[in-house]
Amino acid sequence: MAKAIKQIKKQIHTREEVQEEAVSGIVNELANNSEAILTMIGIVKNLHEMGALDTLSALIEKRNDVGVIAVQQLNKPEMHKTIKNGINAFNFLGTLNPDQLKTMLSGLSKGLERAAESVEKQEKPSLWELGKRMRNPETRATMSMMTEFLQGMGEGISDVPRHNK
């Protein structure tokens, strides 16, 4: 028959042994994740060089004051509208077809270039010249697109319930 265990020896680690084990674990993790750690060091170096760490440190030191100011700013009615407008803008951008938007913005860019050139030259076309421009295929295409835009916008506006203030 087996003898009963009357004494249990508890292994007590010294402080040095605990520290040595902790250092060994840290060194192993550093070796296993060296690429990520070197990338992180590069990021921190760049943040330090551009002064962002000093700014962040100051923000953390004054976090209570900064928090009070932030809450005061967020409680302003204008800020509520700004936040709602920002959300609506992102929702709107999500509904746009990227290819159509690219085409429209390309045309807008060229139109702004032409308009800027006209302003620089201080051109003031006569009514006759404006009438002749209406026969230009690009002008007619743009006018057609704008009238379609206005019609679609009108349809969208008429679908929205009116709020009288």
N, C-alpha and C. Protein backbone atom coordinates (compact mmCIF):
# COMPACT_ATOMS: atom_id res chain seq x y z
N MET A 1 0.82 -1.17 0.00
CA MET A 1 0.00 0.00 0.00
C MET A 1 0.87 1.25 0.00
N ALA A 2 0.39 2.31 -0.56
CA ALA A 2 1.16 3.54 -0.68
C ALA A 2 1.13 4.32 0.62
N LYS A 3 2.21 5.05 0.83
CA LYS A 3 2.29 5.87 2.03
C LYS A 3 1.59 7.21 1.79
N ALA A 4 0.97 7.74 2.77
CA ALA A 4 0.31 9.04 2.69
C ALA A 4 1.35 10.13 2.62
N ILE A 5 1.04 11.15 1.78
CA ILE A 5 1.94 12.30 1.65
C ILE A 5 1.66 13.23 2.81
N LYS A 6 2.67 13.45 3.61
CA LYS A 6 2.48 14.28 4.79
C LYS A 6 3.09 15.67 4.62
N GLN A 7 3.99 15.80 3.67
CA GLN A 7 4.66 17.07 3.51
C GLN A 7 4.74 17.40 2.02
N ILE A 8 4.31 18.63 1.66
CA ILE A 8 4.39 19.11 0.28
C ILE A 8 5.45 20.19 0.25
N LYS A 9 6.43 19.98 -0.64
CA LYS A 9 7.48 20.99 -0.77
C LYS A 9 7.05 22.01 -1.81
N LYS A 10 6.88 23.23 -1.38
CA LYS A 10 6.51 24.32 -2.26
C LYS A 10 7.78 24.97 -2.76
N GLN A 11 7.88 25.09 -4.08
CA GLN A 11 9.08 25.67 -4.65
C GLN A 11 8.89 27.18 -4.68
N ILE A 12 9.70 27.87 -3.96
CA ILE A 12 9.64 29.33 -3.88
C ILE A 12 10.77 29.89 -4.72
N HIS A 13 10.36 30.74 -5.71
CA HIS A 13 11.34 31.36 -6.60
C HIS A 13 11.86 32.64 -5.95
N THR A 14 13.13 32.85 -6.12
CA THR A 14 13.70 34.09 -5.61
C THR A 14 13.34 35.22 -6.56
N ARG A 15 13.53 36.42 -6.09
CA ARG A 15 13.21 37.59 -6.90
C ARG A 15 14.05 37.59 -8.18
N GLU A 16 15.30 37.20 -8.08
CA GLU A 16 16.19 37.16 -9.23
C GLU A 16 15.71 36.14 -10.26
N GLU A 17 15.22 35.01 -9.79
CA GLU A 17 14.73 33.98 -10.70
C GLU A 17 13.48 34.46 -11.45
N VAL A 18 12.60 35.15 -10.74
CA VAL A 18 11.38 35.69 -11.35
C VAL A 18 11.76 36.73 -12.40
N GLN A 19 12.71 37.61 -12.08
CA GLN A 19 13.14 38.63 -13.04
C GLN A 19 13.82 38.00 -14.24
N GLU A 20 14.65 36.99 -14.00
CA GLU A 20 15.34 36.31 -15.09
C GLU A 20 14.34 35.65 -16.03
N GLU A 21 13.31 35.05 -15.47
CA GLU A 21 12.26 34.41 -16.29
C GLU A 21 11.49 35.45 -17.09
N ALA A 22 11.20 36.59 -16.47
CA ALA A 22 10.47 37.66 -17.16
C ALA A 22 11.31 38.23 -18.31
N VAL A 23 12.60 38.46 -18.06
CA VAL A 23 13.48 39.00 -19.10
C VAL A 23 13.59 38.01 -20.25
N SER A 24 13.71 36.75 -19.92
CA SER A 24 13.80 35.71 -20.95
C SER A 24 12.54 35.70 -21.81
N GLY A 25 11.38 35.83 -21.19
CA GLY A 25 10.11 35.87 -21.94
C GLY A 25 10.05 37.09 -22.86
N ILE A 26 10.51 38.24 -22.37
CA ILE A 26 10.51 39.46 -23.17
C ILE A 26 11.45 39.33 -24.36
N VAL A 27 12.63 38.79 -24.12
CA VAL A 27 13.61 38.62 -25.20
C VAL A 27 13.05 37.67 -26.25
N ASN A 28 12.40 36.60 -25.84
CA ASN A 28 11.79 35.66 -26.79
C ASN A 28 10.73 36.35 -27.65
N GLU A 29 9.88 37.16 -27.01
CA GLU A 29 8.84 37.88 -27.76
C GLU A 29 9.45 38.89 -28.72
N LEU A 30 10.52 39.58 -28.28
CA LEU A 30 11.21 40.52 -29.17
C LEU A 30 11.77 39.80 -30.40
N ALA A 31 12.36 38.65 -30.17
CA ALA A 31 12.93 37.89 -31.28
C ALA A 31 11.84 37.39 -32.23
N ASN A 32 10.71 36.96 -31.68
CA ASN A 32 9.62 36.44 -32.51
C ASN A 32 8.89 37.53 -33.29
N ASN A 33 8.94 38.77 -32.80
CA ASN A 33 8.19 39.86 -33.43
C ASN A 33 9.09 41.02 -33.82
N SER A 34 10.32 40.70 -34.22
CA SER A 34 11.29 41.76 -34.48
C SER A 34 10.86 42.70 -35.59
N GLU A 35 10.26 42.19 -36.65
CA GLU A 35 9.86 43.04 -37.78
C GLU A 35 8.80 44.06 -37.34
N ALA A 36 7.81 43.60 -36.60
CA ALA A 36 6.75 44.50 -36.13
C ALA A 36 7.32 45.53 -35.16
N ILE A 37 8.24 45.12 -34.31
CA ILE A 37 8.81 46.04 -33.33
C ILE A 37 9.67 47.09 -34.03
N LEU A 38 10.44 46.69 -35.02
CA LEU A 38 11.25 47.66 -35.76
C LEU A 38 10.37 48.66 -36.51
N THR A 39 9.26 48.19 -37.07
CA THR A 39 8.32 49.09 -37.73
C THR A 39 7.74 50.09 -36.73
N MET A 40 7.38 49.59 -35.55
CA MET A 40 6.82 50.45 -34.51
C MET A 40 7.85 51.49 -34.06
N ILE A 41 9.10 51.09 -33.95
CA ILE A 41 10.16 52.04 -33.57
C ILE A 41 10.29 53.13 -34.63
N GLY A 42 10.20 52.74 -35.90
CA GLY A 42 10.26 53.74 -36.98
C GLY A 42 9.10 54.72 -36.91
N ILE A 43 7.91 54.22 -36.61
CA ILE A 43 6.73 55.09 -36.49
C ILE A 43 6.92 56.07 -35.34
N VAL A 44 7.36 55.58 -34.20
CA VAL A 44 7.56 56.44 -33.03
C VAL A 44 8.64 57.48 -33.33
N LYS A 45 9.71 57.07 -34.03
CA LYS A 45 10.78 58.01 -34.39
C LYS A 45 10.22 59.14 -35.25
N ASN A 46 9.41 58.79 -36.27
CA ASN A 46 8.82 59.81 -37.13
C ASN A 46 7.88 60.73 -36.36
N LEU A 47 7.09 60.15 -35.46
CA LEU A 47 6.19 60.98 -34.64
C LEU A 47 6.99 61.94 -33.77
N HIS A 48 8.10 61.47 -33.24
CA HIS A 48 8.96 62.32 -32.41
C HIS A 48 9.57 63.45 -33.24
N GLU A 49 10.06 63.12 -34.43
CA GLU A 49 10.70 64.12 -35.29
C GLU A 49 9.73 65.22 -35.70
N MET A 50 8.46 64.87 -35.92
CA MET A 50 7.50 65.89 -36.33
C MET A 50 6.83 66.59 -35.15
N GLY A 51 7.21 66.22 -33.93
CA GLY A 51 6.69 66.90 -32.74
C GLY A 51 5.35 66.38 -32.26
N ALA A 52 4.86 65.31 -32.87
CA ALA A 52 3.55 64.79 -32.49
C ALA A 52 3.57 64.17 -31.10
N LEU A 53 4.69 63.58 -30.70
CA LEU A 53 4.76 62.97 -29.36
C LEU A 53 4.69 64.03 -28.28
N ASP A 54 5.34 65.19 -28.52
CA ASP A 54 5.25 66.28 -27.54
C ASP A 54 3.82 66.77 -27.41
N THR A 55 3.15 66.89 -28.55
CA THR A 55 1.76 67.34 -28.54
C THR A 55 0.88 66.33 -27.82
N LEU A 56 1.06 65.07 -28.12
CA LEU A 56 0.28 64.01 -27.48
C LEU A 56 0.54 63.98 -25.98
N SER A 57 1.79 64.14 -25.60
CA SER A 57 2.15 64.15 -24.18
C SER A 57 1.46 65.32 -23.46
N ALA A 58 1.48 66.50 -24.08
CA ALA A 58 0.83 67.67 -23.48
C ALA A 58 -0.68 67.45 -23.38
N LEU A 59 -1.26 66.83 -24.42
CA LEU A 59 -2.70 66.54 -24.37
C LEU A 59 -3.04 65.59 -23.22
N ILE A 60 -2.21 64.61 -23.03
CA ILE A 60 -2.46 63.64 -21.95
C ILE A 60 -2.32 64.32 -20.59
N GLU A 61 -1.31 65.19 -20.45
CA GLU A 61 -1.13 65.91 -19.19
C GLU A 61 -2.33 66.79 -18.88
N LYS A 62 -2.89 67.42 -19.89
CA LYS A 62 -4.02 68.35 -19.70
C LYS A 62 -5.34 67.71 -20.10
N ARG A 63 -5.44 66.40 -20.00
CA ARG A 63 -6.62 65.68 -20.50
C ARG A 63 -7.93 66.15 -19.89
N ASN A 64 -7.92 66.52 -18.62
CA ASN A 64 -9.17 66.98 -17.99
C ASN A 64 -9.62 68.31 -18.59
N ASP A 65 -8.68 69.24 -18.74
CA ASP A 65 -9.00 70.55 -19.33
C ASP A 65 -9.46 70.38 -20.78
N VAL A 66 -8.74 69.54 -21.53
CA VAL A 66 -9.08 69.30 -22.93
C VAL A 66 -10.45 68.64 -23.03
N GLY A 67 -10.72 67.71 -22.15
CA GLY A 67 -12.02 67.04 -22.15
C GLY A 67 -13.17 68.01 -21.90
N VAL A 68 -12.98 68.92 -20.96
CA VAL A 68 -14.01 69.91 -20.65
C VAL A 68 -14.27 70.79 -21.87
N ILE A 69 -13.19 71.25 -22.51
CA ILE A 69 -13.33 72.11 -23.70
C ILE A 69 -14.02 71.34 -24.82
N ALA A 70 -13.64 70.09 -25.03
CA ALA A 70 -14.24 69.28 -26.10
C ALA A 70 -15.73 69.09 -25.87
N VAL A 71 -16.12 68.80 -24.64
CA VAL A 71 -17.54 68.60 -24.33
C VAL A 71 -18.30 69.92 -24.52
N GLN A 72 -17.71 71.03 -24.12
CA GLN A 72 -18.35 72.33 -24.31
C GLN A 72 -18.57 72.60 -25.81
N GLN A 73 -17.58 72.29 -26.62
CA GLN A 73 -17.71 72.51 -28.06
C GLN A 73 -18.76 71.58 -28.67
N LEU A 74 -18.77 70.33 -28.22
CA LEU A 74 -19.74 69.38 -28.76
C LEU A 74 -21.18 69.71 -28.36
N ASN A 75 -21.36 70.43 -27.27
CA ASN A 75 -22.70 70.77 -26.81
C ASN A 75 -23.30 71.98 -27.51
N LYS A 76 -22.53 72.63 -28.38
CA LYS A 76 -23.06 73.78 -29.11
C LYS A 76 -24.00 73.29 -30.20
N PRO A 77 -25.12 73.98 -30.44
CA PRO A 77 -26.08 73.56 -31.48
C PRO A 77 -25.45 73.49 -32.87
N GLU A 78 -24.51 74.39 -33.16
CA GLU A 78 -23.85 74.36 -34.47
C GLU A 78 -23.09 73.05 -34.67
N MET A 79 -22.50 72.55 -33.59
CA MET A 79 -21.73 71.31 -33.69
C MET A 79 -22.66 70.13 -33.95
N HIS A 80 -23.84 70.15 -33.35
CA HIS A 80 -24.81 69.08 -33.62
C HIS A 80 -25.15 69.05 -35.11
N LYS A 81 -25.36 70.25 -35.67
CA LYS A 81 -25.68 70.34 -37.10
C LYS A 81 -24.48 69.89 -37.94
N THR A 82 -23.29 70.27 -37.52
CA THR A 82 -22.08 69.87 -38.26
C THR A 82 -21.94 68.36 -38.29
N ILE A 83 -22.16 67.72 -37.16
CA ILE A 83 -22.05 66.26 -37.08
C ILE A 83 -23.11 65.61 -37.97
N LYS A 84 -24.34 66.11 -37.89
CA LYS A 84 -25.41 65.55 -38.73
C LYS A 84 -25.10 65.76 -40.21
N ASN A 85 -24.59 66.95 -40.56
CA ASN A 85 -24.24 67.22 -41.96
C ASN A 85 -23.11 66.31 -42.43
N GLY A 86 -22.15 66.08 -41.56
CA GLY A 86 -21.06 65.17 -41.91
C GLY A 86 -21.56 63.76 -42.17
N ILE A 87 -22.45 63.29 -41.32
CA ILE A 87 -23.03 61.95 -41.51
C ILE A 87 -23.82 61.90 -42.81
N ASN A 88 -24.62 62.94 -43.06
CA ASN A 88 -25.39 62.99 -44.32
C ASN A 88 -24.48 63.04 -45.54
N ALA A 89 -23.36 63.76 -45.42
CA ALA A 89 -22.42 63.84 -46.55
C ALA A 89 -21.82 62.47 -46.84
N PHE A 90 -21.44 61.74 -45.79
CA PHE A 90 -20.89 60.40 -46.01
C PHE A 90 -21.95 59.46 -46.58
N ASN A 91 -23.18 59.56 -46.08
CA ASN A 91 -24.25 58.74 -46.64
C ASN A 91 -24.48 59.06 -48.11
N PHE A 92 -24.45 60.35 -48.45
CA PHE A 92 -24.61 60.77 -49.84
C PHE A 92 -23.50 60.21 -50.72
N LEU A 93 -22.26 60.33 -50.26
CA LEU A 93 -21.13 59.82 -51.03
C LEU A 93 -21.26 58.32 -51.27
N GLY A 94 -21.85 57.61 -50.31
CA GLY A 94 -22.04 56.17 -50.46
C GLY A 94 -23.07 55.81 -51.51
N THR A 95 -23.95 56.73 -51.85
CA THR A 95 -24.97 56.44 -52.86
C THR A 95 -24.50 56.71 -54.28
N LEU A 96 -23.37 57.42 -54.42
CA LEU A 96 -22.90 57.81 -55.75
C LEU A 96 -22.19 56.66 -56.45
N ASN A 97 -22.40 56.58 -57.75
CA ASN A 97 -21.69 55.63 -58.59
C ASN A 97 -20.29 56.21 -58.85
N PRO A 98 -19.22 55.53 -58.45
CA PRO A 98 -17.88 56.10 -58.60
C PRO A 98 -17.51 56.47 -60.04
N ASP A 99 -17.93 55.67 -61.00
CA ASP A 99 -17.60 55.97 -62.40
C ASP A 99 -18.30 57.24 -62.86
N GLN A 100 -19.58 57.39 -62.48
CA GLN A 100 -20.31 58.60 -62.86
C GLN A 100 -19.71 59.82 -62.18
N LEU A 101 -19.34 59.67 -60.91
CA LEU A 101 -18.75 60.79 -60.18
C LEU A 101 -17.42 61.19 -60.81
N LYS A 102 -16.62 60.21 -61.22
CA LYS A 102 -15.34 60.50 -61.86
C LYS A 102 -15.55 61.29 -63.15
N THR A 103 -16.54 60.89 -63.96
CA THR A 103 -16.85 61.59 -65.20
C THR A 103 -17.28 63.02 -64.90
N MET A 104 -18.17 63.18 -63.92
CA MET A 104 -18.67 64.52 -63.58
C MET A 104 -17.54 65.42 -63.06
N LEU A 105 -16.69 64.88 -62.20
CA LEU A 105 -15.61 65.69 -61.64
C LEU A 105 -14.57 66.05 -62.70
N SER A 106 -14.35 65.15 -63.66
CA SER A 106 -13.43 65.46 -64.76
C SER A 106 -13.98 66.63 -65.58
N GLY A 107 -15.28 66.57 -65.88
CA GLY A 107 -15.90 67.66 -66.62
C GLY A 107 -15.89 68.96 -65.83
N LEU A 108 -16.14 68.86 -64.54
CA LEU A 108 -16.12 70.03 -63.68
C LEU A 108 -14.73 70.67 -63.67
N SER A 109 -13.70 69.83 -63.61
CA SER A 109 -12.33 70.33 -63.61
C SER A 109 -12.02 71.08 -64.90
N LYS A 110 -12.38 70.51 -66.03
CA LYS A 110 -12.14 71.19 -67.31
C LYS A 110 -12.94 72.48 -67.40
N GLY A 111 -14.17 72.44 -66.91
CA GLY A 111 -15.01 73.64 -66.93
C GLY A 111 -14.42 74.75 -66.09
N LEU A 112 -13.88 74.39 -64.91
CA LEU A 112 -13.26 75.40 -64.06
C LEU A 112 -12.01 75.98 -64.72
N GLU A 113 -11.24 75.14 -65.43
CA GLU A 113 -10.06 75.64 -66.13
C GLU A 113 -10.47 76.66 -67.19
N ARG A 114 -11.48 76.32 -67.98
CA ARG A 114 -11.95 77.24 -69.03
C ARG A 114 -12.48 78.53 -68.43
N ALA A 115 -13.22 78.40 -67.34
CA ALA A 115 -13.78 79.60 -66.70
C ALA A 115 -12.67 80.50 -66.18
N ALA A 116 -11.62 79.90 -65.58
CA ALA A 116 -10.51 80.68 -65.06
C ALA A 116 -9.78 81.39 -66.19
N GLU A 117 -9.60 80.70 -67.32
CA GLU A 117 -8.95 81.33 -68.48
C GLU A 117 -9.77 82.52 -68.96
N SER A 118 -11.07 82.36 -68.99
CA SER A 118 -11.95 83.43 -69.45
C SER A 118 -11.86 84.64 -68.52
N VAL A 119 -11.80 84.38 -67.21
CA VAL A 119 -11.70 85.47 -66.25
C VAL A 119 -10.36 86.18 -66.40
N GLU A 120 -9.28 85.41 -66.58
CA GLU A 120 -7.96 86.00 -66.75
C GLU A 120 -7.90 86.90 -67.99
N LYS A 121 -8.52 86.45 -69.07
CA LYS A 121 -8.52 87.22 -70.31
C LYS A 121 -9.52 88.37 -70.26
N GLN A 122 -10.35 88.37 -69.22
CA GLN A 122 -11.41 89.36 -69.05
C GLN A 122 -12.33 89.38 -70.26
N GLU A 123 -12.67 88.19 -70.74
CA GLU A 123 -13.56 88.07 -71.89
C GLU A 123 -14.99 88.39 -71.47
N LYS A 124 -15.65 89.17 -72.29
CA LYS A 124 -17.06 89.48 -72.08
C LYS A 124 -17.75 89.24 -73.41
N PRO A 125 -18.19 87.98 -73.64
CA PRO A 125 -18.78 87.67 -74.94
C PRO A 125 -20.12 88.39 -75.13
N SER A 126 -20.37 88.72 -76.37
CA SER A 126 -21.65 89.37 -76.70
C SER A 126 -22.76 88.33 -76.65
N LEU A 127 -24.00 88.82 -76.70
CA LEU A 127 -25.14 87.91 -76.73
C LEU A 127 -25.09 87.03 -77.98
N TRP A 128 -24.63 87.61 -79.08
CA TRP A 128 -24.52 86.86 -80.33
C TRP A 128 -23.52 85.71 -80.16
N GLU A 129 -22.38 86.00 -79.52
CA GLU A 129 -21.35 84.97 -79.26
C GLU A 129 -21.91 83.88 -78.34
N LEU A 130 -22.64 84.27 -77.32
CA LEU A 130 -23.24 83.28 -76.42
C LEU A 130 -24.22 82.39 -77.19
N GLY A 131 -24.98 82.98 -78.07
CA GLY A 131 -25.92 82.22 -78.89
C GLY A 131 -25.20 81.23 -79.80
N LYS A 132 -24.08 81.65 -80.37
CA LYS A 132 -23.29 80.76 -81.23
C LYS A 132 -22.73 79.59 -80.42
N ARG A 133 -22.37 79.86 -79.18
CA ARG A 133 -21.82 78.79 -78.34
C ARG A 133 -22.87 77.72 -78.03
N MET A 134 -24.13 78.08 -78.07
CA MET A 134 -25.20 77.11 -77.81
C MET A 134 -25.26 76.03 -78.89
N ARG A 135 -24.70 76.30 -80.05
CA ARG A 135 -24.68 75.31 -81.13
C ARG A 135 -23.52 74.33 -80.99
N ASN A 136 -22.59 74.64 -80.11
CA ASN A 136 -21.44 73.77 -79.88
C ASN A 136 -21.92 72.46 -79.23
N PRO A 137 -21.50 71.29 -79.75
CA PRO A 137 -21.97 70.02 -79.21
C PRO A 137 -21.63 69.83 -77.72
N GLU A 138 -20.44 70.28 -77.28
CA GLU A 138 -20.08 70.14 -75.87
C GLU A 138 -20.99 71.00 -74.99
N THR A 139 -21.27 72.22 -75.46
CA THR A 139 -22.15 73.10 -74.70
C THR A 139 -23.55 72.51 -74.61
N ARG A 140 -24.04 71.99 -75.72
CA ARG A 140 -25.38 71.40 -75.73
C ARG A 140 -25.44 70.16 -74.82
N ALA A 141 -24.39 69.35 -74.85
CA ALA A 141 -24.35 68.17 -73.98
C ALA A 141 -24.39 68.58 -72.51
N THR A 142 -23.63 69.63 -72.19
CA THR A 142 -23.60 70.11 -70.81
C THR A 142 -24.94 70.70 -70.41
N MET A 143 -25.55 71.48 -71.30
CA MET A 143 -26.87 72.06 -71.01
C MET A 143 -27.90 70.95 -70.81
N SER A 144 -27.83 69.92 -71.63
CA SER A 144 -28.76 68.79 -71.49
C SER A 144 -28.55 68.11 -70.14
N MET A 145 -27.28 67.88 -69.80
CA MET A 145 -26.97 67.24 -68.52
C MET A 145 -27.46 68.09 -67.36
N MET A 146 -27.26 69.40 -67.44
CA MET A 146 -27.69 70.29 -66.36
C MET A 146 -29.20 70.32 -66.22
N THR A 147 -29.93 70.31 -67.34
CA THR A 147 -31.39 70.31 -67.22
C THR A 147 -31.86 68.97 -66.63
N GLU A 148 -31.21 67.87 -66.99
CA GLU A 148 -31.56 66.58 -66.38
C GLU A 148 -31.25 66.61 -64.89
N PHE A 149 -30.12 67.20 -64.54
CA PHE A 149 -29.75 67.33 -63.13
C PHE A 149 -30.82 68.14 -62.37
N LEU A 150 -31.20 69.27 -62.95
CA LEU A 150 -32.20 70.11 -62.30
C LEU A 150 -33.55 69.39 -62.18
N GLN A 151 -33.92 68.64 -63.22
CA GLN A 151 -35.18 67.90 -63.16
C GLN A 151 -35.11 66.82 -62.06
N GLY A 152 -34.02 66.08 -62.01
CA GLY A 152 -33.86 65.07 -60.97
C GLY A 152 -33.84 65.67 -59.58
N MET A 153 -33.17 66.81 -59.43
CA MET A 153 -33.14 67.48 -58.14
C MET A 153 -34.53 67.93 -57.74
N GLY A 154 -35.28 68.44 -58.71
CA GLY A 154 -36.66 68.86 -58.43
C GLY A 154 -37.52 67.68 -57.99
N GLU A 155 -37.33 66.53 -58.64
CA GLU A 155 -38.07 65.33 -58.23
C GLU A 155 -37.70 64.94 -56.80
N GLY A 156 -36.42 65.02 -56.49
CA GLY A 156 -35.98 64.68 -55.14
C GLY A 156 -36.53 65.63 -54.10
N ILE A 157 -36.59 66.91 -54.45
CA ILE A 157 -37.11 67.91 -53.51
C ILE A 157 -38.61 67.73 -53.32
N SER A 158 -39.34 67.41 -54.39
CA SER A 158 -40.79 67.27 -54.25
C SER A 158 -41.16 66.00 -53.47
N ASP A 159 -40.24 65.02 -53.38
CA ASP A 159 -40.50 63.81 -52.61
C ASP A 159 -40.31 64.01 -51.12
N VAL A 160 -39.59 65.08 -50.73
CA VAL A 160 -39.29 65.32 -49.33
C VAL A 160 -40.43 66.13 -48.71
N PRO A 161 -40.95 65.68 -47.55
CA PRO A 161 -42.01 66.46 -46.89
C PRO A 161 -41.49 67.84 -46.48
N ARG A 162 -42.33 68.84 -46.62
CA ARG A 162 -41.95 70.21 -46.30
C ARG A 162 -42.12 70.46 -44.80
N HIS A 163 -41.14 71.20 -44.24
CA HIS A 163 -41.21 71.58 -42.84
C HIS A 163 -41.35 73.09 -42.78
N ASN A 164 -42.43 73.57 -42.22
CA ASN A 164 -42.63 75.01 -42.08
C ASN A 164 -42.16 75.44 -40.71
N LYS A 165 -41.31 76.45 -40.70
CA LYS A 165 -40.80 76.96 -39.41
C LYS A 165 -41.38 78.31 -39.15
